[in-house]
Amino acid sequence: MTAPPTSGTTGASARWLRRLRPRRDPSARLVCLPHAGGTASAYSPWIDRLPAGIELISVQYPGRHDRLAEPLLSSVPQIADAVAPVLAPYADRPLFLFGHSMGSLVAYEVAIRMEAGPGPDPAGLFVSGQFAPQRSAPPREALDDATVEAEARESGWTDPAVFDHPELRELVLPPLLADVRASLSYHRAEPVRLRSPIAAYGGLGDSDDVLSDLAAWGELTSGSAVWRAFDGDHFYLRAREAELVADIVARMSDWREPPVGHH
């Protein structure tokens, strides 16, 4: 059997990646990128919902949990620039990317970098709770803390209790505001069309035009594209976790191929 990548326990990889469900000889890997203010542990409940051969890896952004002392990043491309290289050793098996909310934008940018590099393309991109980049508004000029906090309060991206408890504010608010700022400032005048297939998910109550928002992701791939909406709001994936993970696993099975270089 093939040993797991040694970089999983050292250096930059150890800072950014949490192997929530390590597998010595996985058939595929699912890499999850959290929402704004989220942490790698957000995907721990998925551990028991995956088939035996799938390794689950979650990304830990700086400024939270065991990375609390590290400087925050407030740009989606900055985060993707750091994540893409540490995933390279894990692309020896079909590697799938899943992101929710801001994590979808990071996952998309990571996919762009992987497809532009010398290694294999991602085997598939799963995006959730996020409209496609070509539908984003131009970046806002004024993104002071008060503006970002107001947006975070109104968006439903986090528990409102965070804003009312001093202890929670001190720990949770700085990374949340950095992530919301990254989301609000993200813009691609001409989004890149991927080769990797895309599946887009969302909650029916998340926007007025959620089906159209999800379908727009299909414009960003030359491969297959599917979308599915669940009952629920922005965090539909908590209540509909079993159905969502089952759908992702089915897509992974459909899309899985041995990784090959594309150059």
Protein backbone atom coordinates (compact mmCIF):
# COMPACT_ATOMS: atom_id res chain seq x y z
CA MET A 1 0.00 0.00 0.00
CA THR A 2 1.05 3.58 -0.61
CA ALA A 3 2.00 5.59 2.46
CA PRO A 4 0.19 8.92 2.99
CA PRO A 5 2.08 12.08 1.99
CA THR A 6 4.70 12.97 4.57
CA SER A 7 3.90 16.66 4.10
CA GLY A 8 0.62 15.99 5.90
CA THR A 9 2.42 16.36 9.20
CA THR A 10 5.08 18.97 8.57
CA GLY A 11 5.55 22.53 7.42
CA ALA A 12 2.93 24.55 5.59
CA SER A 13 0.76 21.50 5.02
CA ALA A 14 0.50 20.88 8.77
CA ARG A 15 -0.62 24.46 9.30
CA TRP A 16 -3.26 24.51 6.56
CA LEU A 17 -4.62 20.97 6.39
CA ARG A 18 -6.43 18.81 8.93
CA ARG A 19 -6.69 15.16 7.92
CA LEU A 20 -10.01 14.53 9.66
CA ARG A 21 -10.25 11.02 8.28
CA PRO A 22 -6.77 9.78 7.27
CA ARG A 23 -6.56 6.82 4.92
CA ARG A 24 -3.33 4.97 4.19
CA ASP A 25 -4.36 4.01 0.68
CA PRO A 26 -7.39 6.14 -0.26
CA SER A 27 -9.33 5.72 -3.47
CA ALA A 28 -10.02 9.50 -3.49
CA ARG A 29 -9.69 12.59 -1.33
CA LEU A 30 -12.28 15.23 -0.46
CA VAL A 31 -10.82 18.59 0.58
CA CYS A 32 -13.28 20.93 2.33
CA LEU A 33 -12.96 24.70 2.64
CA PRO A 34 -14.98 26.42 5.41
CA HIS A 35 -17.39 29.35 5.22
CA ALA A 36 -16.58 32.86 6.47
CA GLY A 37 -15.58 32.65 10.11
CA GLY A 38 -15.56 28.86 9.91
CA THR A 39 -12.94 26.35 11.00
CA ALA A 40 -11.68 22.98 9.80
CA SER A 41 -13.75 21.22 12.46
CA ALA A 42 -16.96 22.31 10.69
CA TYR A 43 -16.63 19.18 8.56
CA SER A 44 -15.97 16.70 11.39
CA PRO A 45 -19.59 15.41 11.24
CA TRP A 46 -18.91 14.22 7.69
CA ILE A 47 -16.34 11.66 8.89
CA ASP A 48 -18.84 8.85 9.41
CA ARG A 49 -20.86 9.63 6.30
CA LEU A 50 -18.13 8.83 3.76
CA PRO A 51 -17.29 5.45 2.22
CA ALA A 52 -14.28 3.67 3.67
CA GLY A 53 -11.90 4.58 0.85
CA ILE A 54 -12.37 8.36 0.87
CA GLU A 55 -9.95 10.49 2.86
CA LEU A 56 -11.46 13.67 4.33
CA ILE A 57 -9.21 16.72 4.59
CA SER A 58 -10.32 20.11 5.89
CA VAL A 59 -8.56 23.45 5.51
CA GLN A 60 -7.78 25.55 8.57
CA TYR A 61 -7.53 29.26 7.79
CA PRO A 62 -5.13 31.36 9.91
CA GLY A 63 -6.35 33.35 12.90
CA ARG A 64 -8.50 30.65 14.51
CA HIS A 65 -8.16 27.63 16.81
CA ASP A 66 -4.55 26.39 16.75
CA ARG A 67 -3.63 29.16 14.27
CA LEU A 68 -4.99 31.93 16.48
CA ALA A 69 -1.68 33.80 16.68
CA GLU A 70 -1.14 33.89 12.91
CA PRO A 71 -2.00 36.98 10.82
CA LEU A 72 -5.42 36.97 9.21
CA LEU A 73 -5.83 36.97 5.44
CA SER A 74 -8.54 39.16 3.91
CA SER A 75 -8.25 38.19 0.24
CA VAL A 76 -9.63 35.07 -1.47
CA PRO A 77 -6.67 34.89 -3.91
CA GLN A 78 -4.22 35.13 -0.99
CA ILE A 79 -5.85 32.16 0.70
CA ALA A 80 -5.92 30.16 -2.55
CA ASP A 81 -2.26 30.97 -3.21
CA ALA A 82 -1.40 29.32 0.12
CA VAL A 83 -3.76 26.34 -0.15
CA ALA A 84 -3.06 25.17 -3.70
CA PRO A 85 0.63 24.27 -3.18
CA VAL A 86 0.01 22.27 0.01
CA LEU A 87 -2.56 20.13 -1.81
CA ALA A 88 -0.08 19.06 -4.51
CA PRO A 89 1.22 15.98 -2.60
CA TYR A 90 -2.37 14.80 -2.14
CA ALA A 91 -3.25 14.90 -5.85
CA ASP A 92 -1.74 11.46 -6.48
CA ARG A 93 -5.33 10.23 -6.05
CA PRO A 94 -8.49 11.85 -7.44
CA LEU A 95 -8.83 15.03 -5.40
CA PHE A 96 -12.18 16.78 -5.05
CA LEU A 97 -12.77 20.27 -3.65
CA PHE A 98 -15.82 21.32 -1.62
CA GLY A 99 -16.44 24.84 -0.36
CA HIS A 100 -19.37 26.49 1.39
CA SER A 101 -20.07 30.22 1.05
CA MET A 102 -16.67 31.99 1.00
CA GLY A 103 -15.12 28.51 0.85
CA SER A 104 -16.69 28.09 -2.60
CA LEU A 105 -14.75 31.08 -3.90
CA VAL A 106 -11.53 29.77 -2.37
CA ALA A 107 -12.17 26.30 -3.81
CA TYR A 108 -12.77 27.81 -7.27
CA GLU A 109 -9.53 29.80 -7.07
CA VAL A 110 -7.63 26.71 -5.88
CA ALA A 111 -9.04 24.79 -8.85
CA ILE A 112 -7.80 27.51 -11.20
CA ARG A 113 -4.30 27.23 -9.74
CA MET A 114 -4.29 23.44 -9.89
CA GLU A 115 -5.39 23.45 -13.52
CA ALA A 116 -2.68 25.97 -14.38
CA GLY A 117 0.03 23.93 -12.65
CA PRO A 118 2.00 20.86 -13.72
CA GLY A 119 0.00 18.35 -11.68
CA PRO A 120 -3.40 16.74 -12.15
CA ASP A 121 -6.59 18.78 -12.40
CA PRO A 122 -9.06 18.53 -9.54
CA ALA A 123 -11.35 15.57 -10.15
CA GLY A 124 -14.33 17.81 -9.40
CA LEU A 125 -15.41 21.04 -7.74
CA PHE A 126 -18.37 21.21 -5.33
CA VAL A 127 -19.62 24.69 -4.44
CA SER A 128 -22.32 25.56 -1.91
CA GLY A 129 -24.22 28.62 -0.74
CA GLN A 130 -22.44 31.02 -3.09
CA PHE A 131 -23.39 32.68 -6.35
CA ALA A 132 -20.96 32.24 -9.23
CA PRO A 133 -18.08 34.72 -9.62
CA GLN A 134 -19.45 36.21 -12.84
CA ARG A 135 -22.50 37.32 -10.84
CA SER A 136 -20.49 39.13 -8.19
CA ALA A 137 -20.70 42.88 -7.90
CA PRO A 138 -17.59 45.02 -8.39
CA PRO A 139 -15.60 45.21 -5.14
CA ARG A 140 -16.74 47.87 -2.73
CA GLU A 141 -14.53 50.85 -2.02
CA ALA A 142 -15.48 51.30 1.66
CA LEU A 143 -14.93 48.14 3.67
CA ASP A 144 -14.32 49.53 7.16
CA ASP A 145 -15.01 47.26 10.13
CA ALA A 146 -18.45 48.79 10.77
CA THR A 147 -19.55 48.13 7.17
CA VAL A 148 -18.22 44.57 7.24
CA GLU A 149 -19.83 43.83 10.61
CA ALA A 150 -23.18 45.17 9.38
CA GLU A 151 -22.94 42.93 6.32
CA ALA A 152 -22.07 39.92 8.49
CA ARG A 153 -25.06 40.61 10.76
CA GLU A 154 -27.50 40.96 7.86
CA SER A 155 -26.22 38.09 5.75
CA GLY A 156 -27.00 35.25 8.14
CA TRP A 157 -23.42 33.99 7.68
CA THR A 158 -22.92 33.49 11.41
CA ASP A 159 -24.78 33.18 14.71
CA PRO A 160 -26.00 36.66 15.79
CA ALA A 161 -24.94 35.82 19.37
CA VAL A 162 -21.34 36.37 18.27
CA PHE A 163 -21.96 40.11 18.16
CA ASP A 164 -23.53 40.37 21.61
CA HIS A 165 -21.04 38.51 23.84
CA PRO A 166 -17.69 40.21 24.51
CA GLU A 167 -15.81 36.92 24.93
CA LEU A 168 -17.11 35.56 21.63
CA ARG A 169 -16.49 38.85 19.84
CA GLU A 170 -12.85 38.87 20.88
CA LEU A 171 -12.19 35.35 19.54
CA VAL A 172 -14.60 34.98 16.65
CA LEU A 173 -15.19 38.45 15.23
CA PRO A 174 -11.70 39.24 13.85
CA PRO A 175 -11.48 36.15 11.59
CA LEU A 176 -15.15 36.48 10.64
CA LEU A 177 -14.68 40.09 9.56
CA ALA A 178 -11.50 39.20 7.64
CA ASP A 179 -13.39 36.47 5.78
CA VAL A 180 -16.42 38.66 5.05
CA ARG A 181 -14.05 41.34 3.78
CA ALA A 182 -12.41 38.74 1.53
CA SER A 183 -15.82 37.73 0.16
CA LEU A 184 -17.00 41.30 -0.42
CA SER A 185 -13.76 42.33 -2.12
CA TYR A 186 -13.60 39.28 -4.38
CA HIS A 187 -14.12 40.00 -8.07
CA ARG A 188 -13.00 38.56 -11.38
CA ALA A 189 -13.83 40.72 -14.38
CA GLU A 190 -13.44 37.65 -16.60
CA PRO A 191 -13.92 34.42 -14.60
CA VAL A 192 -11.79 31.46 -15.67
CA ARG A 193 -13.58 28.50 -17.25
CA LEU A 194 -12.41 25.26 -15.67
CA ARG A 195 -11.98 21.82 -17.18
CA SER A 196 -13.08 20.18 -13.93
CA PRO A 197 -16.77 19.28 -13.53
CA ILE A 198 -18.80 21.41 -11.14
CA ALA A 199 -21.72 20.62 -8.83
CA ALA A 200 -23.45 23.58 -7.15
CA TYR A 201 -25.66 23.32 -4.06
CA GLY A 202 -27.74 25.80 -2.10
CA GLY A 203 -30.70 26.37 0.18
CA LEU A 204 -33.98 27.38 -1.43
CA GLY A 205 -34.39 30.17 1.12
CA ASP A 206 -30.90 31.61 0.66
CA SER A 207 -31.75 34.04 -2.16
CA ASP A 208 -34.63 35.17 -4.36
CA ASP A 209 -33.14 33.47 -7.41
CA VAL A 210 -31.21 30.55 -5.95
CA LEU A 211 -31.78 28.13 -8.86
CA SER A 212 -30.46 30.64 -11.39
CA ASP A 213 -27.55 31.45 -9.05
CA LEU A 214 -26.62 27.77 -8.86
CA ALA A 215 -27.06 27.15 -12.60
CA ALA A 216 -24.65 30.01 -13.36
CA TRP A 217 -21.77 27.89 -12.02
CA GLY A 218 -22.28 25.67 -15.05
CA GLU A 219 -20.93 28.48 -17.23
CA LEU A 220 -17.55 28.07 -15.54
CA THR A 221 -16.68 24.58 -16.76
CA SER A 222 -16.18 22.85 -20.07
CA GLY A 223 -16.96 19.61 -18.21
CA SER A 224 -20.24 18.40 -16.76
CA ALA A 225 -22.27 20.72 -14.53
CA VAL A 226 -25.12 19.93 -12.15
CA TRP A 227 -26.93 21.86 -9.46
CA ARG A 228 -29.33 21.01 -6.67
CA ALA A 229 -31.24 23.07 -4.13
CA PHE A 230 -32.32 21.81 -0.71
CA ASP A 231 -34.94 23.08 1.70
CA GLY A 232 -33.31 25.53 4.08
CA ASP A 233 -31.43 28.80 4.33
CA HIS A 234 -27.75 29.68 3.88
CA PHE A 235 -26.77 26.91 6.30
CA TYR A 236 -29.10 24.29 4.80
CA LEU A 237 -26.17 21.85 4.88
CA ARG A 238 -26.47 21.39 8.64
CA ALA A 239 -30.02 20.02 8.54
CA ARG A 240 -29.58 18.31 5.17
CA GLU A 241 -26.09 16.98 5.80
CA ALA A 242 -26.88 13.32 5.08
CA GLU A 243 -28.51 14.11 1.73
CA LEU A 244 -25.78 16.54 0.71
CA VAL A 245 -22.90 14.19 1.52
CA ALA A 246 -24.68 11.31 -0.23
CA ASP A 247 -25.05 13.45 -3.35
CA ILE A 248 -21.37 14.47 -3.22
CA VAL A 249 -20.27 10.83 -2.84
CA ALA A 250 -22.41 9.83 -5.83
CA ARG A 251 -20.86 12.60 -7.96
CA MET A 252 -17.36 11.60 -6.84
CA SER A 253 -18.05 8.07 -8.01
CA ASP A 254 -19.33 9.30 -11.38
CA TRP A 255 -16.44 11.68 -11.95
CA ARG A 256 -13.56 9.69 -10.53
CA GLU A 257 -10.71 8.86 -12.87
CA PRO A 258 -7.05 8.06 -12.22
CA PRO A 259 -5.18 11.40 -12.04
CA VAL A 260 -3.18 12.28 -15.11
CA GLY A 261 -1.14 15.33 -15.96
CA HIS A 262 -2.70 17.72 -18.42
CA HIS A 263 0.40 19.11 -20.06
